[in-house]
Structures are given as structure tokens and as C-alpha cells.
PDB file of all heavy atoms in Angstrom:
ATOM      1  N   THR A   1       2.480 -10.183 -17.145  1.00  0.00           N
ATOM      2  CA  THR A   1       2.405 -10.605 -15.733  1.00  0.00           C
ATOM      3  C   THR A   1       3.148  -9.725 -14.805  1.00  0.00           C
ATOM      4  O   THR A   1       2.722  -9.306 -13.802  1.00  0.00           O
ATOM      5  CB  THR A   1       2.855 -11.974 -15.611  1.00  0.00           C
ATOM      6  OG1 THR A   1       2.105 -12.895 -16.409  1.00  0.00           O
ATOM      7  CG2 THR A   1       2.781 -12.541 -14.202  1.00  0.00           C
ATOM      8  N   GLU A   2       4.422  -9.428 -15.152  1.00  0.00           N
ATOM      9  CA  GLU A   2       5.277  -8.596 -14.254  1.00  0.00           C
ATOM     10  C   GLU A   2       4.805  -7.178 -14.137  1.00  0.00           C
ATOM     11  O   GLU A   2       4.754  -6.630 -13.000  1.00  0.00           O
ATOM     12  CB  GLU A   2       6.738  -8.634 -14.778  1.00  0.00           C
ATOM     13  CG  GLU A   2       7.428 -10.042 -14.677  1.00  0.00           C
ATOM     14  CD  GLU A   2       8.903  -9.899 -14.937  1.00  0.00           C
ATOM     15  OE1 GLU A   2       9.378  -8.923 -15.386  1.00  0.00           O
ATOM     16  OE2 GLU A   2       9.491 -10.995 -14.983  1.00  0.00           O
ATOM     17  N   GLU A   3       4.457  -6.585 -15.232  1.00  0.00           N
ATOM     18  CA  GLU A   3       3.899  -5.204 -15.194  1.00  0.00           C
ATOM     19  C   GLU A   3       2.698  -4.941 -14.289  1.00  0.00           C
ATOM     20  O   GLU A   3       2.568  -4.071 -13.592  1.00  0.00           O
ATOM     21  CB  GLU A   3       3.934  -4.502 -16.515  1.00  0.00           C
ATOM     22  CG  GLU A   3       5.228  -4.498 -17.332  1.00  0.00           C
ATOM     23  CD  GLU A   3       6.267  -3.603 -16.427  1.00  0.00           C
ATOM     24  OE1 GLU A   3       5.987  -2.870 -15.741  1.00  0.00           O
ATOM     25  OE2 GLU A   3       7.452  -4.146 -16.482  1.00  0.00           O
ATOM     26  N   LEU A   4       1.779  -5.889 -14.494  1.00  0.00           N
ATOM     27  CA  LEU A   4       0.503  -5.854 -13.911  1.00  0.00           C
ATOM     28  C   LEU A   4       0.716  -6.126 -12.379  1.00  0.00           C
ATOM     29  O   LEU A   4       0.200  -5.453 -11.498  1.00  0.00           O
ATOM     30  CB  LEU A   4      -0.477  -6.863 -14.473  1.00  0.00           C
ATOM     31  CG  LEU A   4      -1.119  -6.399 -15.801  1.00  0.00           C
ATOM     32  CD1 LEU A   4      -1.992  -7.610 -16.280  1.00  0.00           C
ATOM     33  CD2 LEU A   4      -1.869  -5.189 -15.683  1.00  0.00           C
ATOM     34  N   THR A   5       1.566  -7.048 -12.029  1.00  0.00           N
ATOM     35  CA  THR A   5       1.879  -7.449 -10.712  1.00  0.00           C
ATOM     36  C   THR A   5       2.520  -6.255  -9.981  1.00  0.00           C
ATOM     37  O   THR A   5       2.150  -5.882  -8.833  1.00  0.00           O
ATOM     38  CB  THR A   5       2.809  -8.652 -10.630  1.00  0.00           C
ATOM     39  OG1 THR A   5       2.145  -9.798 -11.257  1.00  0.00           O
ATOM     40  CG2 THR A   5       3.126  -8.993  -9.117  1.00  0.00           C
ATOM     41  N   LYS A   6       3.573  -5.734 -10.650  1.00  0.00           N
ATOM     42  CA  LYS A   6       4.334  -4.602 -10.089  1.00  0.00           C
ATOM     43  C   LYS A   6       3.418  -3.362  -9.769  1.00  0.00           C
ATOM     44  O   LYS A   6       3.393  -2.737  -8.745  1.00  0.00           O
ATOM     45  CB  LYS A   6       5.505  -4.193 -10.930  1.00  0.00           C
ATOM     46  CG  LYS A   6       6.569  -5.197 -10.868  1.00  0.00           C
ATOM     47  CD  LYS A   6       7.915  -4.715 -11.634  1.00  0.00           C
ATOM     48  CE  LYS A   6       7.631  -4.459 -13.078  1.00  0.00           C
ATOM     49  NZ  LYS A   6       8.782  -3.929 -13.782  1.00  0.00           N
ATOM     50  N   MET A   7       2.625  -3.162 -10.868  1.00  0.00           N
ATOM     51  CA  MET A   7       1.734  -1.830 -10.631  1.00  0.00           C
ATOM     52  C   MET A   7       0.681  -2.174  -9.526  1.00  0.00           C
ATOM     53  O   MET A   7       0.339  -1.165  -8.754  1.00  0.00           O
ATOM     54  CB  MET A   7       0.924  -1.708 -12.032  1.00  0.00           C
ATOM     55  CG  MET A   7       0.219  -0.275 -11.969  1.00  0.00           C
ATOM     56  SD  MET A   7       1.309   1.047 -11.799  1.00  0.00           S
ATOM     57  CE  MET A   7       0.421   2.135 -10.689  1.00  0.00           C
ATOM     58  N   CYS A   8       0.149  -3.337  -9.444  1.00  0.00           N
ATOM     59  CA  CYS A   8      -0.868  -3.587  -8.418  1.00  0.00           C
ATOM     60  C   CYS A   8      -0.145  -3.404  -7.010  1.00  0.00           C
ATOM     61  O   CYS A   8      -0.795  -2.863  -6.073  1.00  0.00           O
ATOM     62  CB  CYS A   8      -1.504  -4.981  -8.508  1.00  0.00           C
ATOM     63  SG  CYS A   8      -2.617  -5.131  -9.911  1.00  0.00           S
ATOM     64  N   VAL A   9       0.934  -4.049  -6.886  1.00  0.00           N
ATOM     65  CA  VAL A   9       1.734  -4.008  -5.473  1.00  0.00           C
ATOM     66  C   VAL A   9       2.072  -2.596  -5.224  1.00  0.00           C
ATOM     67  O   VAL A   9       1.970  -2.132  -4.105  1.00  0.00           O
ATOM     68  CB  VAL A   9       2.926  -4.954  -5.487  1.00  0.00           C
ATOM     69  CG1 VAL A   9       3.690  -4.765  -4.173  1.00  0.00           C
ATOM     70  CG2 VAL A   9       2.498  -6.428  -5.651  1.00  0.00           C
ATOM     71  N   PHE A  10       2.555  -1.806  -6.228  1.00  0.00           N
ATOM     72  CA  PHE A  10       3.056  -0.474  -5.939  1.00  0.00           C
ATOM     73  C   PHE A  10       1.769   0.452  -5.603  1.00  0.00           C
ATOM     74  O   PHE A  10       1.906   1.116  -4.614  1.00  0.00           O
ATOM     75  CB  PHE A  10       3.534  -0.009  -7.378  1.00  0.00           C
ATOM     76  CG  PHE A  10       3.977   1.506  -7.371  1.00  0.00           C
ATOM     77  CD1 PHE A  10       5.137   1.842  -6.693  1.00  0.00           C
ATOM     78  CD2 PHE A  10       3.040   2.470  -7.850  1.00  0.00           C
ATOM     79  CE1 PHE A  10       5.455   3.150  -6.675  1.00  0.00           C
ATOM     80  CE2 PHE A  10       3.527   3.826  -7.764  1.00  0.00           C
ATOM     81  CZ  PHE A  10       4.677   4.105  -7.173  1.00  0.00           C
ATOM     82  N   THR A  11       0.619   0.212  -6.220  1.00  0.00           N
ATOM     83  CA  THR A  11      -0.434   0.971  -5.995  1.00  0.00           C
ATOM     84  C   THR A  11      -0.941   0.675  -4.514  1.00  0.00           C
ATOM     85  O   THR A  11      -1.333   1.661  -3.702  1.00  0.00           O
ATOM     86  CB  THR A  11      -1.624   0.681  -6.963  1.00  0.00           C
ATOM     87  OG1 THR A  11      -1.210   1.010  -8.271  1.00  0.00           O
ATOM     88  CG2 THR A  11      -2.947   1.516  -6.582  1.00  0.00           C
ATOM     89  N   PHE A  12      -1.024  -0.615  -4.168  1.00  0.00           N
ATOM     90  CA  PHE A  12      -1.400  -1.023  -2.844  1.00  0.00           C
ATOM     91  C   PHE A  12      -0.555  -0.389  -1.803  1.00  0.00           C
ATOM     92  O   PHE A  12      -0.958   0.228  -0.718  1.00  0.00           O
ATOM     93  CB  PHE A  12      -1.393  -2.557  -2.674  1.00  0.00           C
ATOM     94  CG  PHE A  12      -1.671  -3.051  -1.368  1.00  0.00           C
ATOM     95  CD1 PHE A  12      -2.967  -3.093  -0.932  1.00  0.00           C
ATOM     96  CD2 PHE A  12      -0.600  -3.456  -0.583  1.00  0.00           C
ATOM     97  CE1 PHE A  12      -3.160  -3.605   0.325  1.00  0.00           C
ATOM     98  CE2 PHE A  12      -0.858  -4.005   0.677  1.00  0.00           C
ATOM     99  CZ  PHE A  12      -2.126  -4.009   1.208  1.00  0.00           C
ATOM    100  N   CYS A  13       0.812  -0.481  -1.978  1.00  0.00           N
ATOM    101  CA  CYS A  13       1.709   0.116  -1.035  1.00  0.00           C
ATOM    102  C   CYS A  13       1.532   1.528  -0.885  1.00  0.00           C
ATOM    103  O   CYS A  13       1.654   2.176   0.255  1.00  0.00           O
ATOM    104  CB  CYS A  13       3.137  -0.255  -1.371  1.00  0.00           C
ATOM    105  SG  CYS A  13       3.489  -2.016  -1.073  1.00  0.00           S
ATOM    106  N   VAL A  14       1.416   2.330  -1.954  1.00  0.00           N
ATOM    107  CA  VAL A  14       1.305   3.823  -1.885  1.00  0.00           C
ATOM    108  C   VAL A  14       0.092   4.200  -1.092  1.00  0.00           C
ATOM    109  O   VAL A  14       0.137   5.129  -0.261  1.00  0.00           O
ATOM    110  CB  VAL A  14       1.224   4.423  -3.282  1.00  0.00           C
ATOM    111  CG1 VAL A  14       0.924   5.928  -3.183  1.00  0.00           C
ATOM    112  CG2 VAL A  14       2.656   4.192  -3.999  1.00  0.00           C
ATOM    113  N   ARG A  15      -1.041   3.414  -1.371  1.00  0.00           N
ATOM    114  CA  ARG A  15      -2.301   3.789  -0.721  1.00  0.00           C
ATOM    115  C   ARG A  15      -2.100   3.438   0.871  1.00  0.00           C
ATOM    116  O   ARG A  15      -2.839   4.186   1.709  1.00  0.00           O
ATOM    117  CB  ARG A  15      -3.440   2.976  -1.316  1.00  0.00           C
ATOM    118  CG  ARG A  15      -3.808   3.433  -2.739  1.00  0.00           C
ATOM    119  CD  ARG A  15      -5.021   2.922  -3.233  1.00  0.00           C
ATOM    120  NE  ARG A  15      -5.297   3.251  -4.624  1.00  0.00           N
ATOM    121  CZ  ARG A  15      -5.819   4.438  -4.947  1.00  0.00           C
ATOM    122  NH1 ARG A  15      -6.026   5.454  -4.076  1.00  0.00           N
ATOM    123  NH2 ARG A  15      -5.989   4.720  -6.233  1.00  0.00           N
ATOM    124  N   ILE A  16      -1.499   2.384   1.089  1.00  0.00           N
ATOM    125  CA  ILE A  16      -1.295   2.006   2.530  1.00  0.00           C
ATOM    126  C   ILE A  16      -0.438   3.109   3.269  1.00  0.00           C
ATOM    127  O   ILE A  16      -0.859   3.569   4.327  1.00  0.00           O
ATOM    128  CB  ILE A  16      -0.693   0.623   2.636  1.00  0.00           C
ATOM    129  CG1 ILE A  16      -1.651  -0.473   2.251  1.00  0.00           C
ATOM    130  CG2 ILE A  16      -0.180   0.386   4.090  1.00  0.00           C
ATOM    131  CD1 ILE A  16      -2.809  -0.649   3.070  1.00  0.00           C
ATOM    132  N   VAL A  17       0.572   3.453   2.653  1.00  0.00           N
ATOM    133  CA  VAL A  17       1.405   4.480   3.385  1.00  0.00           C
ATOM    134  C   VAL A  17       0.721   5.743   3.418  1.00  0.00           C
ATOM    135  O   VAL A  17       0.790   6.512   4.419  1.00  0.00           O
ATOM    136  CB  VAL A  17       2.766   4.583   2.535  1.00  0.00           C
ATOM    137  CG1 VAL A  17       3.529   5.778   3.004  1.00  0.00           C
ATOM    138  CG2 VAL A  17       3.546   3.392   2.543  1.00  0.00           C
ATOM    139  N   ALA A  18      -0.043   6.175   2.397  1.00  0.00           N
ATOM    140  CA  ALA A  18      -0.659   7.437   2.390  1.00  0.00           C
ATOM    141  C   ALA A  18      -1.800   7.469   3.572  1.00  0.00           C
ATOM    142  O   ALA A  18      -1.968   8.436   4.174  1.00  0.00           O
ATOM    143  CB  ALA A  18      -1.432   7.721   1.066  1.00  0.00           C
ATOM    144  N   SER A  19      -2.430   6.273   3.717  1.00  0.00           N
ATOM    145  CA  SER A  19      -3.417   6.143   4.726  1.00  0.00           C
ATOM    146  C   SER A  19      -2.713   6.274   6.159  1.00  0.00           C
ATOM    147  O   SER A  19      -3.251   6.964   6.975  1.00  0.00           O
ATOM    148  CB  SER A  19      -4.072   4.840   4.625  1.00  0.00           C
ATOM    149  OG  SER A  19      -4.948   4.619   5.722  1.00  0.00           O
ATOM    150  N   ASN A  20      -1.638   5.624   6.251  1.00  0.00           N
ATOM    151  CA  ASN A  20      -0.907   5.678   7.548  1.00  0.00           C
ATOM    152  C   ASN A  20      -0.433   7.090   7.958  1.00  0.00           C
ATOM    153  O   ASN A  20      -0.317   7.402   9.086  1.00  0.00           O
ATOM    154  CB  ASN A  20       0.263   4.628   7.556  1.00  0.00           C
ATOM    155  CG  ASN A  20      -0.246   3.242   7.625  1.00  0.00           C
ATOM    156  OD1 ASN A  20      -1.362   2.894   8.075  1.00  0.00           O
ATOM    157  ND2 ASN A  20       0.590   2.223   7.201  1.00  0.00           N
ATOM    158  N   LEU A  21      -0.132   7.781   6.926  1.00  0.00           N
ATOM    159  CA  LEU A  21       0.358   9.149   7.086  1.00  0.00           C
ATOM    160  C   LEU A  21      -0.751  10.233   7.113  1.00  0.00           C
ATOM    161  O   LEU A  21      -0.501  11.405   7.090  1.00  0.00           O
ATOM    162  CB  LEU A  21       1.390   9.510   6.013  1.00  0.00           C
ATOM    163  CG  LEU A  21       2.589   8.733   6.004  1.00  0.00           C
ATOM    164  CD1 LEU A  21       3.511   9.119   4.806  1.00  0.00           C
ATOM    165  CD2 LEU A  21       3.414   8.863   7.394  1.00  0.00           C
ATOM    166  N   ASN A  22      -2.043   9.800   7.094  1.00  0.00           N
ATOM    167  CA  ASN A  22      -3.172  10.534   7.171  1.00  0.00           C
ATOM    168  C   ASN A  22      -3.237  11.446   5.943  1.00  0.00           C
ATOM    169  O   ASN A  22      -3.673  12.625   5.976  1.00  0.00           O
ATOM    170  CB  ASN A  22      -3.153  11.357   8.402  1.00  0.00           C
ATOM    171  CG  ASN A  22      -3.498  10.467   9.654  1.00  0.00           C
ATOM    172  OD1 ASN A  22      -4.213   9.569   9.617  1.00  0.00           O
ATOM    173  ND2 ASN A  22      -2.687  10.846  10.748  1.00  0.00           N
ATOM    174  N   GLN A  23      -2.743  11.080   4.876  1.00  0.00           N
ATOM    175  CA  GLN A  23      -2.813  11.865   3.528  1.00  0.00           C
ATOM    176  C   GLN A  23      -3.920  11.122   2.702  1.00  0.00           C
ATOM    177  O   GLN A  23      -3.576  10.241   1.929  1.00  0.00           O
ATOM    178  CB  GLN A  23      -1.527  11.948   2.848  1.00  0.00           C
ATOM    179  CG  GLN A  23      -0.409  12.649   3.761  1.00  0.00           C
ATOM    180  CD  GLN A  23       0.891  12.659   2.921  1.00  0.00           C
ATOM    181  OE1 GLN A  23       0.917  12.778   1.659  1.00  0.00           O
ATOM    182  NE2 GLN A  23       1.954  12.725   3.608  1.00  0.00           N
ATOM    183  N   LYS A  24      -5.150  11.484   2.746  1.00  0.00           N
ATOM    184  CA  LYS A  24      -6.325  10.731   2.212  1.00  0.00           C
ATOM    185  C   LYS A  24      -6.138  10.685   0.717  1.00  0.00           C
ATOM    186  O   LYS A  24      -6.579   9.654   0.121  1.00  0.00           O
ATOM    187  CB  LYS A  24      -7.522  11.386   2.711  1.00  0.00           C
ATOM    188  CG  LYS A  24      -7.823  11.254   4.163  1.00  0.00           C
ATOM    189  CD  LYS A  24      -9.193  11.815   4.589  1.00  0.00           C
ATOM    190  CE  LYS A  24      -9.471  11.704   6.126  1.00  0.00           C
ATOM    191  NZ  LYS A  24     -10.630  12.256   6.467  1.00  0.00           N
ATOM    192  N   LYS A  25      -5.815  11.777   0.054  1.00  0.00           N
ATOM    193  CA  LYS A  25      -5.780  11.731  -1.371  1.00  0.00           C
ATOM    194  C   LYS A  25      -4.628  10.926  -1.987  1.00  0.00           C
ATOM    195  O   LYS A  25      -4.715  10.005  -2.731  1.00  0.00           O
ATOM    196  CB  LYS A  25      -5.677  13.162  -1.880  1.00  0.00           C
ATOM    197  CG  LYS A  25      -6.942  13.992  -1.615  1.00  0.00           C
ATOM    198  CD  LYS A  25      -6.970  15.253  -2.352  1.00  0.00           C
ATOM    199  CE  LYS A  25      -8.209  16.108  -2.116  1.00  0.00           C
ATOM    200  NZ  LYS A  25      -8.243  17.358  -2.841  1.00  0.00           N
ATOM    201  N   SER A  26      -3.405  11.286  -1.523  1.00  0.00           N
ATOM    202  CA  SER A  26      -2.153  10.583  -2.029  1.00  0.00           C
ATOM    203  C   SER A  26      -0.979  11.200  -1.346  1.00  0.00           C
ATOM    204  O   SER A  26      -1.124  12.045  -0.542  1.00  0.00           O
ATOM    205  CB  SER A  26      -2.017  10.842  -3.512  1.00  0.00           C
ATOM    206  OG  SER A  26      -0.935  10.043  -4.037  1.00  0.00           O
ATOM    207  N   LEU A  27       0.190  10.725  -1.691  1.00  0.00           N
ATOM    208  CA  LEU A  27       1.459  11.175  -1.214  1.00  0.00           C
ATOM    209  C   LEU A  27       1.937  12.262  -2.056  1.00  0.00           C
ATOM    210  O   LEU A  27       1.483  12.518  -3.214  1.00  0.00           O
ATOM    211  CB  LEU A  27       2.450  10.018  -1.169  1.00  0.00           C
ATOM    212  CG  LEU A  27       2.130   8.988  -0.216  1.00  0.00           C
ATOM    213  CD1 LEU A  27       3.190   7.750  -0.425  1.00  0.00           C
ATOM    214  CD2 LEU A  27       2.152   9.290   1.204  1.00  0.00           C
ATOM    215  N   HIS A  28       2.974  13.034  -1.535  1.00  0.00           N
ATOM    216  CA  HIS A  28       3.605  14.076  -2.325  1.00  0.00           C
ATOM    217  C   HIS A  28       4.137  13.412  -3.647  1.00  0.00           C
ATOM    218  O   HIS A  28       4.681  12.368  -3.654  1.00  0.00           O
ATOM    219  CB  HIS A  28       4.670  14.743  -1.591  1.00  0.00           C
ATOM    220  CG  HIS A  28       5.213  15.899  -2.156  1.00  0.00           C
ATOM    221  ND1 HIS A  28       6.286  15.985  -3.139  1.00  0.00           N
ATOM    222  CD2 HIS A  28       4.955  17.296  -1.877  1.00  0.00           C
ATOM    223  CE1 HIS A  28       6.535  17.185  -3.365  1.00  0.00           C
ATOM    224  NE2 HIS A  28       5.699  18.012  -2.694  1.00  0.00           N
ATOM    225  N   THR A  29       4.008  14.211  -4.801  1.00  0.00           N
ATOM    226  CA  THR A  29       4.563  13.695  -6.028  1.00  0.00           C
ATOM    227  C   THR A  29       6.077  13.278  -5.989  1.00  0.00           C
ATOM    228  O   THR A  29       6.325  12.165  -6.538  1.00  0.00           O
ATOM    229  CB  THR A  29       4.403  14.868  -7.137  1.00  0.00           C
ATOM    230  OG1 THR A  29       3.037  15.240  -7.163  1.00  0.00           O
ATOM    231  CG2 THR A  29       4.859  14.266  -8.454  1.00  0.00           C
ATOM    232  N   ASP A  30       6.956  14.040  -5.322  1.00  0.00           N
ATOM    233  CA  ASP A  30       8.263  13.623  -5.309  1.00  0.00           C
ATOM    234  C   ASP A  30       8.434  12.301  -4.533  1.00  0.00           C
ATOM    235  O   ASP A  30       9.281  11.585  -4.815  1.00  0.00           O
ATOM    236  CB  ASP A  30       9.114  14.710  -4.527  1.00  0.00           C
ATOM    237  CG  ASP A  30       9.238  15.919  -5.321  1.00  0.00           C
ATOM    238  OD1 ASP A  30       9.035  15.895  -6.599  1.00  0.00           O
ATOM    239  OD2 ASP A  30       9.682  16.960  -4.722  1.00  0.00           O
ATOM    240  N   VAL A  31       7.653  12.054  -3.534  1.00  0.00           N
ATOM    241  CA  VAL A  31       7.695  10.795  -2.745  1.00  0.00           C
ATOM    242  C   VAL A  31       7.378   9.597  -3.558  1.00  0.00           C
ATOM    243  O   VAL A  31       7.865   8.526  -3.643  1.00  0.00           O
ATOM    244  CB  VAL A  31       6.839  10.868  -1.457  1.00  0.00           C
ATOM    245  CG1 VAL A  31       6.918   9.570  -0.737  1.00  0.00           C
ATOM    246  CG2 VAL A  31       7.218  11.986  -0.684  1.00  0.00           C
ATOM    247  N   ILE A  32       6.209   9.771  -4.477  1.00  0.00           N
ATOM    248  CA  ILE A  32       5.690   8.758  -5.327  1.00  0.00           C
ATOM    249  C   ILE A  32       6.698   8.469  -6.364  1.00  0.00           C
ATOM    250  O   ILE A  32       7.033   7.325  -6.629  1.00  0.00           O
ATOM    251  CB  ILE A  32       4.298   9.020  -5.952  1.00  0.00           C
ATOM    252  CG1 ILE A  32       3.297   9.146  -4.738  1.00  0.00           C
ATOM    253  CG2 ILE A  32       4.034   8.052  -6.991  1.00  0.00           C
ATOM    254  CD1 ILE A  32       1.950   9.562  -5.367  1.00  0.00           C
ATOM    255  N   ASN A  33       7.436   9.480  -6.891  1.00  0.00           N
ATOM    256  CA  ASN A  33       8.354   9.317  -7.919  1.00  0.00           C
ATOM    257  C   ASN A  33       9.628   8.516  -7.408  1.00  0.00           C
ATOM    258  O   ASN A  33      10.132   7.587  -8.072  1.00  0.00           O
ATOM    259  CB  ASN A  33       8.824  10.636  -8.450  1.00  0.00           C
ATOM    260  CG  ASN A  33       7.807  11.337  -9.378  1.00  0.00           C
ATOM    261  OD1 ASN A  33       6.931  10.633  -9.878  1.00  0.00           O
ATOM    262  ND2 ASN A  33       7.927  12.587  -9.412  1.00  0.00           N
ATOM    263  N   THR A  34      10.080   8.908  -6.114  1.00  0.00           N
ATOM    264  CA  THR A  34      11.156   8.208  -5.506  1.00  0.00           C
ATOM    265  C   THR A  34      10.783   6.743  -5.209  1.00  0.00           C
ATOM    266  O   THR A  34      11.583   5.834  -5.423  1.00  0.00           O
ATOM    267  CB  THR A  34      11.520   8.992  -4.270  1.00  0.00           C
ATOM    268  OG1 THR A  34      11.984  10.255  -4.519  1.00  0.00           O
ATOM    269  CG2 THR A  34      12.758   8.192  -3.539  1.00  0.00           C
ATOM    270  N   ALA A  35       9.595   6.541  -4.715  1.00  0.00           N
ATOM    271  CA  ALA A  35       9.109   5.078  -4.481  1.00  0.00           C
ATOM    272  C   ALA A  35       9.161   4.275  -5.687  1.00  0.00           C
ATOM    273  O   ALA A  35       9.511   3.177  -5.694  1.00  0.00           O
ATOM    274  CB  ALA A  35       7.699   5.247  -3.788  1.00  0.00           C
ATOM    275  N   ALA A  36       8.658   4.990  -6.768  1.00  0.00           N
ATOM    276  CA  ALA A  36       8.645   4.089  -8.077  1.00  0.00           C
ATOM    277  C   ALA A  36      10.074   3.731  -8.477  1.00  0.00           C
ATOM    278  O   ALA A  36      10.210   2.612  -9.044  1.00  0.00           O
ATOM    279  CB  ALA A  36       7.942   4.938  -9.156  1.00  0.00           C
ATOM    280  N   PHE A  37      10.971   4.653  -8.394  1.00  0.00           N
ATOM    281  CA  PHE A  37      12.415   4.387  -8.730  1.00  0.00           C
ATOM    282  C   PHE A  37      12.940   3.280  -7.797  1.00  0.00           C
ATOM    283  O   PHE A  37      13.510   2.279  -8.371  1.00  0.00           O
ATOM    284  CB  PHE A  37      13.255   5.681  -8.594  1.00  0.00           C
ATOM    285  CG  PHE A  37      14.676   5.367  -8.835  1.00  0.00           C
ATOM    286  CD1 PHE A  37      15.103   5.375 -10.095  1.00  0.00           C
ATOM    287  CD2 PHE A  37      15.578   5.277  -7.771  1.00  0.00           C
ATOM    288  CE1 PHE A  37      16.508   5.230 -10.428  1.00  0.00           C
ATOM    289  CE2 PHE A  37      16.886   5.007  -8.058  1.00  0.00           C
ATOM    290  CZ  PHE A  37      17.411   5.029  -9.291  1.00  0.00           C
ATOM    291  N   VAL A  38      12.749   3.327  -6.641  1.00  0.00           N
ATOM    292  CA  VAL A  38      13.258   2.376  -5.618  1.00  0.00           C
ATOM    293  C   VAL A  38      12.598   1.011  -5.853  1.00  0.00           C
ATOM    294  O   VAL A  38      13.260   0.006  -5.895  1.00  0.00           O
ATOM    295  CB  VAL A  38      12.976   2.779  -4.102  1.00  0.00           C
ATOM    296  CG1 VAL A  38      13.380   1.757  -3.202  1.00  0.00           C
ATOM    297  CG2 VAL A  38      13.892   4.023  -3.874  1.00  0.00           C
ATOM    298  N   PHE A  39      11.304   1.016  -6.019  1.00  0.00           N
ATOM    299  CA  PHE A  39      10.399  -0.102  -6.227  1.00  0.00           C
ATOM    300  C   PHE A  39      10.961  -0.893  -7.548  1.00  0.00           C
ATOM    301  O   PHE A  39      11.167  -2.178  -7.411  1.00  0.00           O
ATOM    302  CB  PHE A  39       8.971   0.109  -6.446  1.00  0.00           C
ATOM    303  CG  PHE A  39       8.106  -0.968  -6.670  1.00  0.00           C
ATOM    304  CD1 PHE A  39       7.609  -1.718  -5.669  1.00  0.00           C
ATOM    305  CD2 PHE A  39       7.762  -1.277  -7.973  1.00  0.00           C
ATOM    306  CE1 PHE A  39       6.780  -2.753  -5.790  1.00  0.00           C
ATOM    307  CE2 PHE A  39       6.992  -2.393  -8.202  1.00  0.00           C
ATOM    308  CZ  PHE A  39       6.335  -3.160  -7.159  1.00  0.00           C
ATOM    309  N   ALA A  40      11.096  -0.222  -8.536  1.00  0.00           N
ATOM    310  CA  ALA A  40      11.521  -0.784  -9.920  1.00  0.00           C
ATOM    311  C   ALA A  40      13.000  -1.388  -9.619  1.00  0.00           C
ATOM    312  O   ALA A  40      13.284  -2.406 -10.279  1.00  0.00           O
ATOM    313  CB  ALA A  40      11.400   0.164 -10.979  1.00  0.00           C
ATOM    314  N   LEU A  41      13.860  -0.537  -9.075  1.00  0.00           N
ATOM    315  CA  LEU A  41      15.289  -1.006  -9.103  1.00  0.00           C
ATOM    316  C   LEU A  41      15.405  -2.270  -8.236  1.00  0.00           C
ATOM    317  O   LEU A  41      16.065  -3.216  -8.526  1.00  0.00           O
ATOM    318  CB  LEU A  41      16.016   0.091  -8.411  1.00  0.00           C
ATOM    319  CG  LEU A  41      17.554  -0.117  -8.242  1.00  0.00           C
ATOM    320  CD1 LEU A  41      18.200  -0.460  -9.635  1.00  0.00           C
ATOM    321  CD2 LEU A  41      18.291   1.008  -7.575  1.00  0.00           C
ATOM    322  N   PHE A  42      14.739  -2.302  -7.098  1.00  0.00           N
ATOM    323  CA  PHE A  42      14.817  -3.433  -6.236  1.00  0.00           C
ATOM    324  C   PHE A  42      14.182  -4.722  -6.834  1.00  0.00           C
ATOM    325  O   PHE A  42      14.563  -5.868  -6.603  1.00  0.00           O
ATOM    326  CB  PHE A  42      14.358  -3.183  -4.843  1.00  0.00           C
ATOM    327  CG  PHE A  42      15.426  -2.521  -3.999  1.00  0.00           C
ATOM    328  CD1 PHE A  42      15.291  -1.143  -3.736  1.00  0.00           C
ATOM    329  CD2 PHE A  42      16.419  -3.310  -3.415  1.00  0.00           C
ATOM    330  CE1 PHE A  42      16.300  -0.565  -3.024  1.00  0.00           C
ATOM    331  CE2 PHE A  42      17.445  -2.690  -2.717  1.00  0.00           C
ATOM    332  CZ  PHE A  42      17.337  -1.312  -2.460  1.00  0.00           C
TER     333      PHE A  42
END
């Protein structure tokens, strides 16, 4: 439950931010790695 929930929310947020920043494909790899670290820690 936790891993599926976290992964779904994480994916949703990354796509939303990428869209807002006009990065259609994805965010920079370093940004996604940092986001994953912060997301998991909090």
C-alpha cells in the first residue's frame, strides 16, 4: 500500500511540475533524484 501510494503520488507530482515548467518529457535527472530523496524523507 505504502510503496504504490508513494510511487503514484511521486509520479503525479513530477509530471505536474514538468508540465508547469514546460518540460514536456520530464525534469532534469538531478532534480528527480533530489525530489525522490526529499519525498521519501518527509
